[in-house]
């Protein structure tokens, strides 16, 4: 019996009894794909139906342990501690693996069908979409199960099996260098053929803007900064004002549902690609059953939108950022903005049962803008980086609120801002140690101290705000080798190091049992609290109590 990369799908997704059974079936229940119309219909299933947003968010510095008195799901604690996740819930690595390789199998079947039809030019748009779907699923898998790309180590890091033909066994992971090259090859082959002509619902497929936004983010991670700039410009233009999100509209809406519906609307110009996924990520943000590990008020107040020392103000009363007023949550333990709330597909109206799902803005104009700003900064094109950061400020900030006014970012202002902010220590013992600035240890590239680092600190802070709740922050932490700690109730904090191998989640057990090489983890890193640290913690806590 052949080993196949989709083998774990057998048990959990398709209910098949053998690998050969899986190989003999198409990835969905439609008839044989033998017409151009059927190819387009088939590609609807080439997008992953599970999301890694929740578990990636829990691995990041956007989450803290609120204490044993609060409820949590098993996998939350595992992800928060960067330990292998053994459960098989929707948010687990098992389901993420299954759904993404199912999407890849669908894309491969579509490509085979196009080839069987003679590769007509009339199907170039569909061929491009299939290639992009395969590359997109592999890229998302690499973000979860692989290390951040580092050109000095990519030929040593493990990659992932990359199926390119339906029904062909792939059980070797190869290297991360090989994986990124294959993703790049698919993207480059697809872009000249990208077309919106065959798309009935463009925002739910790889339309042209989404394709170039994907290419921009991939090339940023790939350290191909000139290409990241080029492709981002293809997606948003040199003046992106018309496609950036209008945050002012949300201030007049009432309640989380209205805000979320507007945020993920297909009619929103800023939304380039919307991906639906069966997930409880939306529920987890607001439910008390997930409250032990969540974004606490202290993180929001000191590291995120309310952080002190930022050009747009601080707190909620003197802060021109629109997000400063778009907060909801369960007391101080669980703060969120309603941009990825739960939808519910009813399957039995009488019993009121169904399936929860989310709509994720996988690519947007605003995030693509920050991709370009980062690439400009890394190539020392500071004037262009300033233009993009000011575009972001223009759409994310109102003119005045309280004593704060919308800033115009300059090199001098950015340097002054971050020169005056202390670094957050690697290990956090009390809330007062939190700041929006952290030490950088870039993986495979350099950032000069001074202006370049300050610009990167600003872009990373903007990206953290922009991508909050979607899990992308963890990729930025991995890429920049940012050392950070997670507090553990009743124990010492644990540290995530630069280049930490636990940044590559462990593969599902089904895949490992089938012969695919697992990720190698180092030992868990904890911080022993010295007597000096304990004295400092006592002083800090006393100071916080006095402030309260």
Protein backbone atom coordinates (compact mmCIF):
# COMPACT_ATOMS: atom_id res chain seq x y z
CA UNK A 1 0.00 0.00 0.00
CA UNK A 2 1.38 3.38 -0.97
CA UNK A 3 2.06 6.09 1.55
CA UNK A 4 0.42 9.32 0.52
CA UNK A 5 0.57 12.82 1.86
CA UNK A 6 -3.19 12.85 2.26
CA UNK A 7 -3.17 9.74 4.41
CA UNK A 8 -4.36 11.52 7.56
CA UNK A 9 -7.34 12.75 5.57
CA UNK A 10 -8.41 9.15 5.26
CA UNK A 11 -9.28 8.79 8.91
CA UNK A 12 -10.69 12.20 9.62
CA UNK A 13 -11.88 13.86 6.44
CA UNK A 14 -13.06 11.27 3.97
CA UNK A 15 -13.70 8.25 6.16
CA UNK A 16 -11.88 5.92 3.75
CA UNK A 17 -10.28 2.69 4.79
CA UNK A 18 -7.04 2.61 2.82
CA UNK A 19 -4.60 4.81 1.00
CA UNK A 20 -5.57 3.22 -2.30
CA UNK A 21 -9.22 4.08 -1.61
CA UNK A 22 -8.20 7.69 -1.24
CA UNK A 23 -6.12 7.69 -4.40
CA UNK A 24 -8.98 6.20 -6.38
CA UNK A 25 -11.39 9.01 -5.44
CA UNK A 26 -11.67 12.61 -6.50
CA UNK A 27 -11.34 15.14 -3.65
CA UNK A 28 -15.10 15.82 -3.68
CA UNK A 29 -18.35 14.23 -4.82
CA UNK A 30 -18.74 15.92 -8.19
CA UNK A 31 -18.67 13.93 -11.41
CA UNK A 32 -15.50 13.56 -13.44
CA UNK A 33 -14.01 16.94 -14.34
CA UNK A 34 -14.21 16.78 -18.10
CA UNK A 35 -15.47 20.21 -19.20
CA UNK A 36 -14.27 23.77 -18.76
CA UNK A 37 -17.32 24.61 -16.67
CA UNK A 38 -16.65 21.69 -14.33
CA UNK A 39 -13.04 22.82 -13.85
CA UNK A 40 -14.25 26.20 -12.58
CA UNK A 41 -16.78 24.53 -10.30
CA UNK A 42 -14.17 22.10 -9.02
CA UNK A 43 -11.81 24.89 -7.93
CA UNK A 44 -14.33 26.03 -5.33
CA UNK A 45 -12.98 23.14 -3.22
CA UNK A 46 -9.32 24.08 -3.69
CA UNK A 47 -9.28 26.40 -0.67
CA UNK A 48 -8.54 25.01 2.84
CA UNK A 49 -11.60 24.53 5.04
CA UNK A 50 -9.71 24.82 8.33
CA UNK A 51 -7.80 27.74 9.82
CA UNK A 52 -4.59 27.96 11.84
CA UNK A 53 -5.42 31.45 13.10
CA UNK A 54 -6.43 30.42 16.61
CA UNK A 55 -3.51 28.14 17.43
CA UNK A 56 -0.98 30.50 15.84
CA UNK A 57 -2.40 33.38 17.84
CA UNK A 58 -2.00 31.37 21.04
CA UNK A 59 1.66 30.76 20.19
CA UNK A 60 2.29 34.52 19.87
CA UNK A 61 2.87 37.35 22.32
CA UNK A 62 -0.74 38.50 21.91
CA UNK A 63 -1.88 36.00 24.56
CA UNK A 64 -1.22 35.50 28.25
CA UNK A 65 -2.21 33.00 30.94
CA UNK A 66 -5.01 34.59 32.98
CA UNK A 67 -4.92 31.90 35.66
CA UNK A 68 -6.21 28.45 36.52
CA UNK A 69 -9.50 29.88 37.75
CA UNK A 70 -10.51 30.39 34.10
CA UNK A 71 -11.56 27.69 31.65
CA UNK A 72 -9.54 26.58 28.64
CA UNK A 73 -9.48 23.96 25.91
CA UNK A 74 -6.70 21.36 25.96
CA UNK A 75 -5.05 22.49 22.76
CA UNK A 76 -4.90 26.09 24.01
CA UNK A 77 -2.52 25.15 26.78
CA UNK A 78 -0.41 23.05 24.40
CA UNK A 79 -0.10 25.81 21.83
CA UNK A 80 0.54 28.44 24.48
CA UNK A 81 3.41 26.32 25.81
CA UNK A 82 4.67 25.48 22.28
CA UNK A 83 4.10 21.79 22.95
CA UNK A 84 2.85 19.18 20.44
CA UNK A 85 -0.94 19.27 20.11
CA UNK A 86 -2.39 15.77 20.33
CA UNK A 87 -6.11 16.57 20.24
CA UNK A 88 -8.09 16.36 16.99
CA UNK A 89 -10.37 19.36 17.33
CA UNK A 90 -11.07 21.59 14.35
CA UNK A 91 -8.25 23.93 15.34
CA UNK A 92 -5.70 21.14 15.74
CA UNK A 93 -2.63 20.57 13.53
CA UNK A 94 -4.31 17.32 12.42
CA UNK A 95 -7.25 19.12 10.81
CA UNK A 96 -5.08 21.93 9.46
CA UNK A 97 -2.85 19.34 7.79
CA UNK A 98 -5.83 17.41 6.40
CA UNK A 99 -7.73 20.38 5.01
CA UNK A 100 -4.74 21.97 3.33
CA UNK A 101 -3.60 18.76 1.67
CA UNK A 102 -7.18 18.11 0.57
CA UNK A 103 -7.13 21.55 -1.08
CA UNK A 104 -3.83 20.67 -2.74
CA UNK A 105 -5.26 17.37 -4.01
CA UNK A 106 -8.19 19.30 -5.51
CA UNK A 107 -5.86 21.79 -7.19
CA UNK A 108 -3.81 18.93 -8.64
CA UNK A 109 -6.91 17.20 -9.94
CA UNK A 110 -7.99 20.46 -11.61
CA UNK A 111 -4.57 20.86 -13.23
CA UNK A 112 -4.75 17.29 -14.50
CA UNK A 113 -8.21 17.91 -15.91
CA UNK A 114 -6.96 21.01 -17.72
CA UNK A 115 -4.08 19.00 -19.17
CA UNK A 116 -6.49 16.24 -20.26
CA UNK A 117 -8.57 18.89 -22.05
CA UNK A 118 -5.47 19.90 -24.01
CA UNK A 119 -4.41 22.96 -21.96
CA UNK A 120 -6.67 25.35 -23.92
CA UNK A 121 -5.84 29.03 -23.49
CA UNK A 122 -9.47 29.56 -22.48
CA UNK A 123 -8.60 27.77 -19.23
CA UNK A 124 -5.51 29.86 -18.42
CA UNK A 125 -7.38 31.70 -15.65
CA UNK A 126 -8.44 28.42 -14.05
CA UNK A 127 -4.92 27.02 -14.39
CA UNK A 128 -3.52 30.08 -12.65
CA UNK A 129 -6.07 29.72 -9.87
CA UNK A 130 -5.20 26.04 -9.36
CA UNK A 131 -1.47 26.80 -9.19
CA UNK A 132 -2.07 29.62 -6.72
CA UNK A 133 -4.32 27.44 -4.57
CA UNK A 134 -1.63 24.78 -4.39
CA UNK A 135 1.05 27.34 -3.56
CA UNK A 136 -1.20 29.08 -1.02
CA UNK A 137 -1.99 25.87 0.86
CA UNK A 138 1.67 24.86 0.89
CA UNK A 139 2.72 28.33 2.07
CA UNK A 140 0.22 28.25 4.93
CA UNK A 141 1.40 24.75 5.88
CA UNK A 142 5.00 25.97 5.86
CA UNK A 143 4.08 28.81 8.22
CA UNK A 144 2.64 26.28 10.67
CA UNK A 145 4.96 23.27 10.36
CA UNK A 146 8.28 24.81 9.26
CA UNK A 147 10.82 27.31 10.50
CA UNK A 148 10.91 30.85 9.17
CA UNK A 149 12.83 31.05 5.91
CA UNK A 150 16.51 31.79 6.52
CA UNK A 151 18.70 31.59 3.40
CA UNK A 152 21.70 30.55 5.52
CA UNK A 153 19.84 27.56 6.99
CA UNK A 154 17.00 26.80 4.55
CA UNK A 155 18.94 23.92 2.98
CA UNK A 156 19.18 22.38 6.48
CA UNK A 157 15.64 23.04 7.71
CA UNK A 158 12.95 20.50 6.90
CA UNK A 159 10.40 21.39 4.25
CA UNK A 160 7.15 19.56 3.53
CA UNK A 161 5.95 17.03 0.93
CA UNK A 162 4.76 18.95 -2.13
CA UNK A 163 2.37 16.86 -4.25
CA UNK A 164 2.08 18.04 -7.85
CA UNK A 165 0.20 15.13 -9.43
CA UNK A 166 -3.05 13.52 -8.30
CA UNK A 167 -2.56 10.06 -6.83
CA UNK A 168 1.25 10.14 -6.73
CA UNK A 169 2.96 9.21 -3.46
CA UNK A 170 5.01 11.91 -1.74
CA UNK A 171 6.42 11.03 1.66
CA UNK A 172 9.73 12.94 1.68
CA UNK A 173 9.80 16.39 3.24
CA UNK A 174 12.85 17.73 1.43
CA UNK A 175 14.35 21.01 2.61
CA UNK A 176 12.75 24.36 3.31
CA UNK A 177 14.81 25.76 0.44
CA UNK A 178 13.23 23.25 -1.93
CA UNK A 179 9.77 23.96 -0.55
CA UNK A 180 10.07 27.72 -1.05
CA UNK A 181 11.44 27.20 -4.55
CA UNK A 182 8.42 25.08 -5.48
CA UNK A 183 6.00 27.63 -4.03
CA UNK A 184 7.83 30.33 -5.96
CA UNK A 185 7.67 28.30 -9.18
CA UNK A 186 3.90 27.88 -8.87
CA UNK A 187 3.37 31.58 -8.17
CA UNK A 188 5.58 32.71 -11.04
CA UNK A 189 3.90 30.29 -13.44
CA UNK A 190 0.46 31.51 -12.37
CA UNK A 191 0.84 35.29 -12.37
CA UNK A 192 1.06 35.82 -16.17
CA UNK A 193 -2.21 33.88 -16.57
CA UNK A 194 -4.19 35.41 -13.69
CA UNK A 195 -7.64 36.56 -14.73
CA UNK A 196 -10.91 37.48 -13.04
CA UNK A 197 -12.96 36.61 -16.13
CA UNK A 198 -14.01 33.12 -14.99
CA UNK A 199 -14.82 34.10 -11.40
CA UNK A 200 -18.45 34.44 -10.33
CA UNK A 201 -17.49 35.42 -6.75
CA UNK A 202 -14.05 37.02 -7.20
CA UNK A 203 -13.40 37.83 -3.53
CA UNK A 204 -13.62 34.12 -2.63
CA UNK A 205 -11.07 33.13 -5.27
CA UNK A 206 -7.61 34.17 -6.38
CA UNK A 207 -8.56 37.26 -8.33
CA UNK A 208 -5.72 39.40 -9.67
CA UNK A 209 -5.35 41.63 -6.59
CA UNK A 210 -5.36 38.62 -4.25
CA UNK A 211 -2.80 36.83 -6.42
CA UNK A 212 -0.37 39.74 -6.32
CA UNK A 213 -0.96 40.32 -2.59
CA UNK A 214 -0.09 36.66 -1.98
CA UNK A 215 3.01 36.97 -4.16
CA UNK A 216 4.05 40.08 -2.22
CA UNK A 217 3.76 38.45 1.21
CA UNK A 218 5.51 35.28 0.05
CA UNK A 219 8.43 37.23 -1.40
CA UNK A 220 8.74 39.30 1.76
CA UNK A 221 9.09 36.07 3.76
CA UNK A 222 11.43 34.77 1.02
CA UNK A 223 13.69 37.85 1.42
CA UNK A 224 13.03 38.90 -2.19
CA UNK A 225 12.26 42.50 -1.28
CA UNK A 226 12.27 44.05 -4.75
CA UNK A 227 9.72 41.49 -5.91
CA UNK A 228 7.65 42.04 -2.77
CA UNK A 229 7.52 45.75 -3.61
CA UNK A 230 6.68 45.08 -7.25
CA UNK A 231 3.87 42.64 -6.52
CA UNK A 232 2.43 44.74 -3.71
CA UNK A 233 2.27 47.67 -6.12
CA UNK A 234 0.52 45.45 -8.67
CA UNK A 235 -2.10 44.73 -6.00
CA UNK A 236 -2.64 48.17 -4.44
CA UNK A 237 -1.17 50.65 -6.89
CA UNK A 238 1.27 53.47 -6.19
CA UNK A 239 -1.49 55.43 -4.45
CA UNK A 240 -3.57 52.88 -2.51
CA UNK A 241 -6.03 55.31 -0.91
CA UNK A 242 -9.00 54.02 -2.89
CA UNK A 243 -8.57 50.41 -1.74
CA UNK A 244 -7.59 50.91 1.89
CA UNK A 245 -10.17 50.10 4.55
CA UNK A 246 -12.39 52.95 5.73
CA UNK A 247 -12.36 52.40 9.49
CA UNK A 248 -14.58 55.39 10.13
CA UNK A 249 -17.60 53.39 8.91
CA UNK A 250 -17.36 51.01 11.87
CA UNK A 251 -17.79 53.77 14.43
CA UNK A 252 -21.46 54.21 13.49
CA UNK A 253 -22.31 50.49 13.61
CA UNK A 254 -23.97 48.88 16.60
CA UNK A 255 -22.73 45.59 17.98
CA UNK A 256 -20.20 42.96 17.01
CA UNK A 257 -22.25 41.31 14.26
CA UNK A 258 -22.71 44.49 12.27
CA UNK A 259 -19.04 45.38 12.54
CA UNK A 260 -17.91 41.90 11.56
CA UNK A 261 -20.34 41.70 8.64
CA UNK A 262 -19.03 44.99 7.29
CA UNK A 263 -15.41 43.98 7.86
CA UNK A 264 -15.63 40.72 5.88
CA UNK A 265 -18.05 41.96 3.20
CA UNK A 266 -17.18 41.02 -0.36
CA UNK A 267 -18.13 44.58 -1.33
CA UNK A 268 -15.32 46.01 0.84
CA UNK A 269 -12.57 47.24 -1.56
CA UNK A 270 -9.84 46.42 0.97
CA UNK A 271 -10.74 42.72 1.01
CA UNK A 272 -8.77 40.90 -1.66
CA UNK A 273 -9.33 37.25 -0.67
CA UNK A 274 -11.92 35.88 1.75
CA UNK A 275 -11.50 32.30 2.95
CA UNK A 276 -14.20 30.48 4.91
CA UNK A 277 -13.26 27.83 7.45
CA UNK A 278 -15.08 25.61 9.90
CA UNK A 279 -13.76 27.03 13.14
CA UNK A 280 -14.64 28.13 16.65
CA UNK A 281 -12.05 30.92 16.52
CA UNK A 282 -14.81 33.53 16.57
CA UNK A 283 -16.47 31.92 19.59
CA UNK A 284 -13.15 31.53 21.40
CA UNK A 285 -12.60 35.28 21.45
CA UNK A 286 -15.69 35.97 23.53
CA UNK A 287 -16.65 32.75 25.31
CA UNK A 288 -15.75 32.18 28.96
CA UNK A 289 -14.81 28.60 28.03
CA UNK A 290 -11.63 29.90 26.36
CA UNK A 291 -10.74 32.68 28.81
CA UNK A 292 -7.68 31.29 30.58
CA UNK A 293 -5.44 31.95 27.55
CA UNK A 294 -6.48 35.18 25.88
CA UNK A 295 -5.47 38.75 25.06
CA UNK A 296 -5.55 40.40 28.47
CA UNK A 297 -6.18 44.10 29.01
CA UNK A 298 -2.51 44.52 30.01
CA UNK A 299 -1.32 43.47 26.53
CA UNK A 300 -3.80 45.71 24.77
CA UNK A 301 -3.02 48.64 27.08
CA UNK A 302 0.77 48.43 27.06
CA UNK A 303 1.78 46.69 23.81
CA UNK A 304 -1.03 47.15 21.30
CA UNK A 305 -3.43 49.97 20.43
CA UNK A 306 -3.40 51.76 23.79
CA UNK A 307 0.39 51.62 24.25
CA UNK A 308 2.07 54.76 25.59
CA UNK A 309 4.49 56.83 23.57
CA UNK A 310 3.00 56.23 20.13
CA UNK A 311 2.46 59.14 17.70
CA UNK A 312 -1.32 58.70 17.58
CA UNK A 313 -1.77 58.88 21.35
CA UNK A 314 -2.42 56.28 24.01
CA UNK A 315 -5.26 54.78 26.03
CA UNK A 316 -8.84 55.14 24.86
CA UNK A 317 -9.50 58.80 25.67
CA UNK A 318 -6.57 60.48 23.92
CA UNK A 319 -5.96 58.24 20.94
CA UNK A 320 -6.92 58.84 17.32
CA UNK A 321 -6.66 55.18 16.24
CA UNK A 322 -10.13 53.92 15.33
CA UNK A 323 -9.27 50.52 16.83
CA UNK A 324 -8.92 52.17 20.23
CA UNK A 325 -12.72 52.35 20.33
CA UNK A 326 -13.51 49.01 18.66
CA UNK A 327 -12.94 46.85 21.72
CA UNK A 328 -15.13 44.15 23.18
CA UNK A 329 -14.49 41.32 25.60
CA UNK A 330 -15.06 39.46 28.82
CA UNK A 331 -13.89 41.83 31.57
CA UNK A 332 -10.10 42.35 31.40
CA UNK A 333 -9.19 38.78 30.56
CA UNK A 334 -10.34 38.54 26.95
CA UNK A 335 -10.18 41.60 24.69
CA UNK A 336 -11.02 41.44 21.00
CA UNK A 337 -12.14 43.45 17.98
CA UNK A 338 -15.04 41.90 16.01
CA UNK A 339 -13.24 41.21 12.72
CA UNK A 340 -13.37 37.40 12.77
CA UNK A 341 -16.63 36.55 14.51
CA UNK A 342 -18.54 33.31 14.26
CA UNK A 343 -21.10 32.58 11.59
CA UNK A 344 -23.38 29.57 11.93
CA UNK A 345 -24.62 27.33 9.15
CA UNK A 346 -27.83 25.68 10.39
CA UNK A 347 -28.21 22.07 9.30
CA UNK A 348 -31.29 21.22 11.40
CA UNK A 349 -33.69 24.10 12.06
CA UNK A 350 -35.80 22.08 14.48
CA UNK A 351 -32.90 20.97 16.65
CA UNK A 352 -31.09 24.28 16.02
CA UNK A 353 -27.86 22.49 15.19
CA UNK A 354 -25.29 23.30 12.58
CA UNK A 355 -21.69 24.19 11.91
CA UNK A 356 -19.80 27.27 13.15
CA UNK A 357 -17.46 28.93 10.69
CA UNK A 358 -15.45 32.09 10.17
CA UNK A 359 -14.69 34.29 7.19
CA UNK A 360 -11.02 35.20 7.25
CA UNK A 361 -9.63 38.13 5.28
CA UNK A 362 -6.63 36.18 4.02
CA UNK A 363 -5.27 39.10 1.98
CA UNK A 364 -6.17 42.76 2.25
CA UNK A 365 -5.00 46.08 0.88
CA UNK A 366 -3.92 47.31 4.31
CA UNK A 367 -1.73 44.30 5.11
CA UNK A 368 -0.26 44.37 1.61
CA UNK A 369 0.57 48.04 2.12
CA UNK A 370 2.56 47.10 5.22
CA UNK A 371 4.31 44.32 3.30
CA UNK A 372 5.54 47.00 0.92
CA UNK A 373 6.46 49.38 3.74
CA UNK A 374 8.56 46.65 5.36
CA UNK A 375 10.27 45.78 2.08
CA UNK A 376 11.00 49.46 1.45
CA UNK A 377 12.53 49.71 4.92
CA UNK A 378 14.69 46.62 4.48
CA UNK A 379 16.03 48.11 1.23
CA UNK A 380 16.54 51.49 2.97
CA UNK A 381 14.02 53.33 0.80
CA UNK A 382 12.85 55.30 3.81
CA UNK A 383 10.96 58.01 1.93
CA UNK A 384 8.81 55.39 0.22
CA UNK A 385 8.34 53.51 3.49
CA UNK A 386 7.16 56.76 5.12
CA UNK A 387 4.61 57.28 2.34
CA UNK A 388 3.12 53.85 2.92
CA UNK A 389 3.09 54.18 6.70
CA UNK A 390 1.34 57.55 6.36
CA UNK A 391 -1.25 55.96 4.06
CA UNK A 392 -1.88 53.47 6.88
CA UNK A 393 -2.16 56.25 9.46
CA UNK A 394 -4.50 58.17 7.17
CA UNK A 395 -7.05 55.37 7.09
CA UNK A 396 -6.61 54.10 10.63
CA UNK A 397 -6.73 57.41 12.47
CA UNK A 398 -9.35 60.11 12.87
CA UNK A 399 -8.31 63.76 12.83
CA UNK A 400 -8.58 64.38 16.59
CA UNK A 401 -9.76 62.62 19.70
CA UNK A 402 -9.25 64.05 23.17
CA UNK A 403 -5.82 65.66 23.18
CA UNK A 404 -4.49 63.45 20.37
CA UNK A 405 -4.18 64.50 16.73
CA UNK A 406 -3.58 62.49 13.59
CA UNK A 407 0.22 62.44 13.12
CA UNK A 408 2.24 62.87 9.98
CA UNK A 409 5.06 60.37 10.30
CA UNK A 410 8.57 61.58 9.56
CA UNK A 411 11.95 59.97 10.01
CA UNK A 412 12.57 62.28 12.95
CA UNK A 413 9.24 61.42 14.61
CA UNK A 414 9.71 57.65 14.22
CA UNK A 415 13.25 57.82 15.60
CA UNK A 416 12.12 59.94 18.51
CA UNK A 417 9.21 57.59 19.23
CA UNK A 418 11.20 54.38 19.46
CA UNK A 419 14.36 55.89 20.91
CA UNK A 420 12.20 56.91 23.87
CA UNK A 421 10.53 53.50 24.35
CA UNK A 422 12.27 50.85 26.42
CA UNK A 423 12.65 47.33 25.12
CA UNK A 424 10.31 44.78 26.63
CA UNK A 425 12.52 42.33 28.56
CA UNK A 426 12.79 38.81 27.20
CA UNK A 427 11.06 37.54 30.32
CA UNK A 428 8.04 39.47 31.60
CA UNK A 429 7.19 39.26 35.28
CA UNK A 430 4.76 42.17 35.61
CA UNK A 431 2.54 44.22 33.33
CA UNK A 432 4.62 47.40 33.69
CA UNK A 433 7.48 45.73 31.82
CA UNK A 434 5.41 45.47 28.64
CA UNK A 435 6.09 47.95 25.82
CA UNK A 436 5.47 47.96 22.04
CA UNK A 437 9.22 47.57 21.39
CA UNK A 438 11.11 44.26 21.45
CA UNK A 439 14.65 43.20 20.61
CA UNK A 440 15.14 41.96 17.06
CA UNK A 441 17.29 38.97 16.07
CA UNK A 442 16.46 38.70 12.34
CA UNK A 443 16.65 35.21 10.85
CA UNK A 444 18.99 35.29 7.86
CA UNK A 445 19.07 39.06 7.32
CA UNK A 446 20.23 42.18 9.15
CA UNK A 447 18.58 45.28 10.54
CA UNK A 448 20.85 48.19 11.35
CA UNK A 449 20.43 49.96 14.67
CA UNK A 450 19.03 53.47 14.53
CA UNK A 451 16.71 54.55 11.73
CA UNK A 452 16.28 51.18 10.05
CA UNK A 453 15.44 49.40 13.29
CA UNK A 454 13.07 52.16 14.37
CA UNK A 455 11.25 51.98 11.03
CA UNK A 456 10.98 48.20 11.37
CA UNK A 457 9.67 48.58 14.92
CA UNK A 458 6.96 50.90 13.59
CA UNK A 459 6.01 48.60 10.72
CA UNK A 460 5.92 45.56 13.00
CA UNK A 461 3.71 47.44 15.45
CA UNK A 462 1.35 48.40 12.63
CA UNK A 463 1.35 44.80 11.39
CA UNK A 464 0.59 43.57 14.90
CA UNK A 465 -2.45 45.83 15.07
CA UNK A 466 -3.52 45.01 11.50
CA UNK A 467 -3.20 41.23 11.79
CA UNK A 468 -4.27 40.82 15.42
CA UNK A 469 -6.34 37.63 15.98
CA UNK A 470 -5.30 36.08 12.65
CA UNK A 471 -2.10 34.36 13.77
CA UNK A 472 0.23 36.30 11.46
CA UNK A 473 1.97 37.91 14.42
CA UNK A 474 3.62 34.57 15.18
CA UNK A 475 5.20 34.59 11.71
CA UNK A 476 6.64 38.05 12.37
CA UNK A 477 8.04 36.86 15.70
CA UNK A 478 9.68 33.90 13.95
CA UNK A 479 11.03 35.98 11.05
CA UNK A 480 12.59 38.61 13.30
CA UNK A 481 13.76 36.20 15.99
CA UNK A 482 11.94 38.16 18.68
CA UNK A 483 12.50 36.58 22.08
CA UNK A 484 9.43 36.66 24.30
CA UNK A 485 7.98 34.84 27.27
CA UNK A 486 4.66 33.36 28.30
CA UNK A 487 3.66 33.49 31.94
CA UNK A 488 2.40 30.25 33.48
CA UNK A 489 0.07 30.38 36.46
CA UNK A 490 1.77 28.60 39.35
CA UNK A 491 5.10 28.20 37.55
CA UNK A 492 8.00 30.15 36.09
CA UNK A 493 7.59 31.85 32.70
CA UNK A 494 8.66 29.99 29.57
CA UNK A 495 10.72 31.59 26.81
CA UNK A 496 10.49 31.44 23.04
CA UNK A 497 13.98 32.01 21.66
CA UNK A 498 15.23 33.39 18.36
CA UNK A 499 15.24 30.49 15.91
CA UNK A 500 13.35 28.34 18.39
CA UNK A 501 12.63 24.93 16.79
CA UNK A 502 9.22 24.91 18.51
CA UNK A 503 8.20 27.59 16.02
CA UNK A 504 7.64 24.67 13.65
CA UNK A 505 4.65 22.81 15.09
CA UNK A 506 4.87 19.07 15.37
CA UNK A 507 3.31 17.15 12.50
CA UNK A 508 0.14 15.12 13.13
CA UNK A 509 0.78 11.66 14.51
CA UNK A 510 -0.91 10.02 11.51
CA UNK A 511 1.63 11.62 9.20
CA UNK A 512 4.56 10.64 11.42
CA UNK A 513 3.31 7.05 11.71
CA UNK A 514 3.13 6.91 7.92
CA UNK A 515 6.84 7.63 7.70
CA UNK A 516 7.02 11.41 7.28
CA UNK A 517 9.89 12.82 9.33
CA UNK A 518 8.75 14.68 12.47
CA UNK A 519 10.03 18.05 13.59
CA UNK A 520 12.79 17.88 16.17
CA UNK A 521 12.06 19.92 19.28
CA UNK A 522 14.61 21.17 21.74
CA UNK A 523 13.97 21.00 25.46
CA UNK A 524 11.39 23.34 26.94
CA UNK A 525 13.00 26.57 28.09
CA UNK A 526 11.91 27.96 31.42
CA UNK A 527 13.10 30.93 33.37
CA UNK A 528 14.29 30.29 36.88
CA UNK A 529 13.32 33.24 39.04
CA UNK A 530 16.35 34.41 40.98
CA UNK A 531 16.20 36.18 44.35
CA UNK A 532 17.08 39.42 42.56
CA UNK A 533 14.22 38.88 40.11
CA UNK A 534 11.85 38.16 42.98
CA UNK A 535 12.85 41.42 44.68
CA UNK A 536 12.34 43.33 41.43
CA UNK A 537 8.97 41.66 40.89
CA UNK A 538 7.90 42.64 44.40
CA UNK A 539 8.85 46.28 43.81
CA UNK A 540 7.08 46.35 40.44
CA UNK A 541 3.91 44.85 41.87
CA UNK A 542 3.89 47.32 44.74
CA UNK A 543 4.26 50.13 42.20
CA UNK A 544 1.35 48.76 40.14
CA UNK A 545 -0.82 48.49 43.24
CA UNK A 546 -0.10 52.13 44.09
CA UNK A 547 -1.01 53.19 40.53
CA UNK A 548 -4.29 51.33 40.77
